[in-house]
Amino acid sequence: MTVFPFRPALVAASLALAPGLAAAQSVEVECVFTLECYEAEACNEANFNLRVGKGDSPTEAVVRTPAETFSGNVEGHDSTSLVWTTRTATTAQILSWGADGSARYTLHLTDGPAVVSYHGHCEAK
């Protein structure tokens, strides 16, 4: 089993909620991820929470972690679901949140290359 060495910083860097509809713009959402999968290895338990909310524009969303705040682009959304993306020099990150609350977050790294996937749920607070 490989333990992904950058997990805390990478997880902290990556989730958000779309500010699309007026009702959704004032809502904070908490996402909880309980499963981490690195490449084709067996998945392991994870435990982290992130709060996400509106950005400065209708197509931007912001994630707030205990350590940092990040923004990204909302690619598709309504009041109960979204697809959020962001890029850095060495990563691409995607969050998808479905109408049933299920969420997936993937972190694509150029170093390797490698992918880490997280499984969990998002809920409006």
C-alpha atoms as a PDB file:
ATOM      1  CA  MET A   1       0.000   0.000   0.000  1.00  0.00           C
ATOM      2  CA  THR A   2       1.286   3.424  -0.917  1.00  0.00           C
ATOM      3  CA  VAL A   3       0.464   6.256   1.433  1.00  0.00           C
ATOM      4  CA  PHE A   4       0.063   9.391  -0.615  1.00  0.00           C
ATOM      5  CA  PRO A   5       2.688  11.723   0.909  1.00  0.00           C
ATOM      6  CA  PHE A   6       0.984  15.027   0.084  1.00  0.00           C
ATOM      7  CA  ARG A   7      -2.524  14.129   1.188  1.00  0.00           C
ATOM      8  CA  PRO A   8      -3.184  16.827   3.853  1.00  0.00           C
ATOM      9  CA  ALA A   9      -1.970  19.725   1.717  1.00  0.00           C
ATOM     10  CA  LEU A  10      -3.603  18.463  -1.461  1.00  0.00           C
ATOM     11  CA  VAL A  11      -6.921  17.748   0.143  1.00  0.00           C
ATOM     12  CA  ALA A  12      -6.855  21.151   1.745  1.00  0.00           C
ATOM     13  CA  ALA A  13      -6.304  22.669  -1.673  1.00  0.00           C
ATOM     14  CA  SER A  14      -9.294  21.527  -3.529  1.00  0.00           C
ATOM     15  CA  LEU A  15     -13.090  21.682  -2.996  1.00  0.00           C
ATOM     16  CA  ALA A  16     -15.858  24.181  -3.745  1.00  0.00           C
ATOM     17  CA  LEU A  17     -19.574  24.871  -4.224  1.00  0.00           C
ATOM     18  CA  ALA A  18     -21.079  26.703  -7.159  1.00  0.00           C
ATOM     19  CA  PRO A  19     -22.724  30.040  -6.485  1.00  0.00           C
ATOM     20  CA  GLY A  20     -25.175  29.631  -9.357  1.00  0.00           C
ATOM     21  CA  LEU A  21     -28.728  30.283  -8.256  1.00  0.00           C
ATOM     22  CA  ALA A  22     -29.452  33.147  -5.907  1.00  0.00           C
ATOM     23  CA  ALA A  23     -30.466  30.724  -3.151  1.00  0.00           C
ATOM     24  CA  ALA A  24     -27.259  28.757  -3.549  1.00  0.00           C
ATOM     25  CA  GLN A  25     -25.118  31.903  -3.420  1.00  0.00           C
ATOM     26  CA  SER A  26     -25.808  32.489   0.261  1.00  0.00           C
ATOM     27  CA  VAL A  27     -25.335  28.868   1.352  1.00  0.00           C
ATOM     28  CA  GLU A  28     -22.213  27.321   2.783  1.00  0.00           C
ATOM     29  CA  VAL A  29     -21.762  23.657   1.985  1.00  0.00           C
ATOM     30  CA  GLU A  30     -19.733  21.112   3.900  1.00  0.00           C
ATOM     31  CA  CYS A  31     -18.167  18.181   2.079  1.00  0.00           C
ATOM     32  CA  VAL A  32     -17.003  15.150   4.037  1.00  0.00           C
ATOM     33  CA  PHE A  33     -14.771  12.586   2.345  1.00  0.00           C
ATOM     34  CA  THR A  34     -14.367   9.141   3.884  1.00  0.00           C
ATOM     35  CA  LEU A  35     -12.522   7.170   1.184  1.00  0.00           C
ATOM     36  CA  GLU A  36      -9.218   7.849  -0.580  1.00  0.00           C
ATOM     37  CA  CYS A  37      -8.030   5.938  -3.657  1.00  0.00           C
ATOM     38  CA  TYR A  38      -4.498   6.339  -5.011  1.00  0.00           C
ATOM     39  CA  GLU A  39      -4.000   5.214  -8.622  1.00  0.00           C
ATOM     40  CA  ALA A  40      -5.106   1.552  -8.993  1.00  0.00           C
ATOM     41  CA  GLU A  41      -4.335   0.610  -5.380  1.00  0.00           C
ATOM     42  CA  ALA A  42      -6.987  -0.426  -2.890  1.00  0.00           C
ATOM     43  CA  CYS A  43      -8.882   2.490  -1.360  1.00  0.00           C
ATOM     44  CA  ASN A  44      -8.301   3.540   2.250  1.00  0.00           C
ATOM     45  CA  GLU A  45     -10.396   5.314   4.848  1.00  0.00           C
ATOM     46  CA  ALA A  46     -10.083   9.086   4.936  1.00  0.00           C
ATOM     47  CA  ASN A  47     -11.578  11.687   7.259  1.00  0.00           C
ATOM     48  CA  PHE A  48     -11.670  15.361   6.325  1.00  0.00           C
ATOM     49  CA  ASN A  49     -14.257  18.122   6.061  1.00  0.00           C
ATOM     50  CA  LEU A  50     -14.164  21.195   3.861  1.00  0.00           C
ATOM     51  CA  ARG A  51     -16.516  24.179   3.593  1.00  0.00           C
ATOM     52  CA  VAL A  52     -17.268  25.610   0.211  1.00  0.00           C
ATOM     53  CA  GLY A  53     -19.166  28.685  -0.925  1.00  0.00           C
ATOM     54  CA  LYS A  54     -19.552  31.433  -3.485  1.00  0.00           C
ATOM     55  CA  GLY A  55     -16.676  33.201  -5.180  1.00  0.00           C
ATOM     56  CA  ASP A  56     -16.366  36.720  -6.532  1.00  0.00           C
ATOM     57  CA  SER A  57     -18.284  35.931  -9.734  1.00  0.00           C
ATOM     58  CA  PRO A  58     -21.171  33.642 -10.729  1.00  0.00           C
ATOM     59  CA  THR A  59     -18.689  31.189 -12.283  1.00  0.00           C
ATOM     60  CA  GLU A  60     -16.303  31.031  -9.315  1.00  0.00           C
ATOM     61  CA  ALA A  61     -16.486  29.041  -6.082  1.00  0.00           C
ATOM     62  CA  VAL A  62     -14.243  29.103  -3.014  1.00  0.00           C
ATOM     63  CA  VAL A  63     -13.091  26.344  -0.673  1.00  0.00           C
ATOM     64  CA  ARG A  64     -12.173  27.146   2.896  1.00  0.00           C
ATOM     65  CA  THR A  65      -9.975  24.736   4.784  1.00  0.00           C
ATOM     66  CA  PRO A  66      -8.419  25.126   8.239  1.00  0.00           C
ATOM     67  CA  ALA A  67      -5.142  26.050   6.526  1.00  0.00           C
ATOM     68  CA  GLU A  68      -6.013  27.872   3.278  1.00  0.00           C
ATOM     69  CA  THR A  69      -8.644  29.288   0.934  1.00  0.00           C
ATOM     70  CA  PHE A  70      -8.749  28.444  -2.789  1.00  0.00           C
ATOM     71  CA  SER A  71     -10.933  29.461  -5.723  1.00  0.00           C
ATOM     72  CA  GLY A  72     -11.881  27.625  -8.891  1.00  0.00           C
ATOM     73  CA  ASN A  73     -14.260  27.638 -11.827  1.00  0.00           C
ATOM     74  CA  VAL A  74     -17.763  26.254 -11.760  1.00  0.00           C
ATOM     75  CA  GLU A  75     -18.311  24.362 -14.997  1.00  0.00           C
ATOM     76  CA  GLY A  76     -21.895  23.269 -14.449  1.00  0.00           C
ATOM     77  CA  HIS A  77     -24.306  23.523 -11.547  1.00  0.00           C
ATOM     78  CA  ASP A  78     -27.724  24.098 -10.150  1.00  0.00           C
ATOM     79  CA  SER A  79     -28.900  24.471  -6.556  1.00  0.00           C
ATOM     80  CA  THR A  80     -28.077  20.828  -5.700  1.00  0.00           C
ATOM     81  CA  SER A  81     -25.160  19.788  -7.892  1.00  0.00           C
ATOM     82  CA  LEU A  82     -22.007  21.079  -9.546  1.00  0.00           C
ATOM     83  CA  VAL A  83     -18.755  20.416 -11.321  1.00  0.00           C
ATOM     84  CA  TRP A  84     -15.850  22.559 -10.061  1.00  0.00           C
ATOM     85  CA  THR A  85     -12.322  22.688 -11.465  1.00  0.00           C
ATOM     86  CA  THR A  86      -9.051  24.418 -10.721  1.00  0.00           C
ATOM     87  CA  ARG A  87      -5.490  24.131 -11.984  1.00  0.00           C
ATOM     88  CA  THR A  88      -2.063  24.884 -10.620  1.00  0.00           C
ATOM     89  CA  ALA A  89       1.339  24.486 -12.243  1.00  0.00           C
ATOM     90  CA  THR A  90       1.450  20.811 -11.193  1.00  0.00           C
ATOM     91  CA  THR A  91      -2.180  19.745 -10.590  1.00  0.00           C
ATOM     92  CA  ALA A  92      -5.671  19.694 -11.993  1.00  0.00           C
ATOM     93  CA  GLN A  93      -8.491  19.271  -9.475  1.00  0.00           C
ATOM     94  CA  ILE A  94     -12.126  18.362 -10.041  1.00  0.00           C
ATOM     95  CA  LEU A  95     -15.071  18.205  -7.637  1.00  0.00           C
ATOM     96  CA  SER A  96     -18.387  16.762  -8.711  1.00  0.00           C
ATOM     97  CA  TRP A  97     -21.392  16.893  -6.393  1.00  0.00           C
ATOM     98  CA  GLY A  98     -24.627  15.126  -7.317  1.00  0.00           C
ATOM     99  CA  ALA A  99     -28.236  15.908  -6.446  1.00  0.00           C
ATOM    100  CA  ASP A 100     -28.250  13.007  -3.953  1.00  0.00           C
ATOM    101  CA  GLY A 101     -25.338  14.597  -2.042  1.00  0.00           C
ATOM    102  CA  SER A 102     -22.697  12.139  -3.198  1.00  0.00           C
ATOM    103  CA  ALA A 103     -19.405  13.800  -4.095  1.00  0.00           C
ATOM    104  CA  ARG A 104     -16.180  12.880  -5.841  1.00  0.00           C
ATOM    105  CA  TYR A 105     -12.985  14.853  -5.767  1.00  0.00           C
ATOM    106  CA  THR A 106     -10.026  13.962  -7.957  1.00  0.00           C
ATOM    107  CA  LEU A 107      -6.538  15.362  -7.867  1.00  0.00           C
ATOM    108  CA  HIS A 108      -4.470  14.856 -11.020  1.00  0.00           C
ATOM    109  CA  LEU A 109      -0.719  15.331 -10.545  1.00  0.00           C
ATOM    110  CA  THR A 110       1.849  15.935 -13.273  1.00  0.00           C
ATOM    111  CA  ASP A 111       4.527  14.360 -11.074  1.00  0.00           C
ATOM    112  CA  GLY A 112       4.163  10.681 -11.882  1.00  0.00           C
ATOM    113  CA  PRO A 113       1.668  11.338 -13.363  1.00  0.00           C
ATOM    114  CA  ALA A 114      -0.748  10.195 -10.703  1.00  0.00           C
ATOM    115  CA  VAL A 115      -4.370  10.569  -9.646  1.00  0.00           C
ATOM    116  CA  VAL A 116      -5.945  10.499  -6.197  1.00  0.00           C
ATOM    117  CA  SER A 117      -9.728  10.120  -5.892  1.00  0.00           C
ATOM    118  CA  TYR A 118     -11.861  10.869  -2.855  1.00  0.00           C
ATOM    119  CA  HIS A 119     -15.437   9.680  -2.204  1.00  0.00           C
ATOM    120  CA  GLY A 120     -17.882  11.350   0.164  1.00  0.00           C
ATOM    121  CA  HIS A 121     -20.909  13.622   0.515  1.00  0.00           C
ATOM    122  CA  CYS A 122     -21.711  17.331   0.423  1.00  0.00           C
ATOM    123  CA  GLU A 123     -24.526  18.990   2.354  1.00  0.00           C
ATOM    124  CA  ALA A 124     -25.793  22.569   2.617  1.00  0.00           C
ATOM    125  CA  LYS A 125     -25.373  24.036   6.110  1.00  0.00           C
END
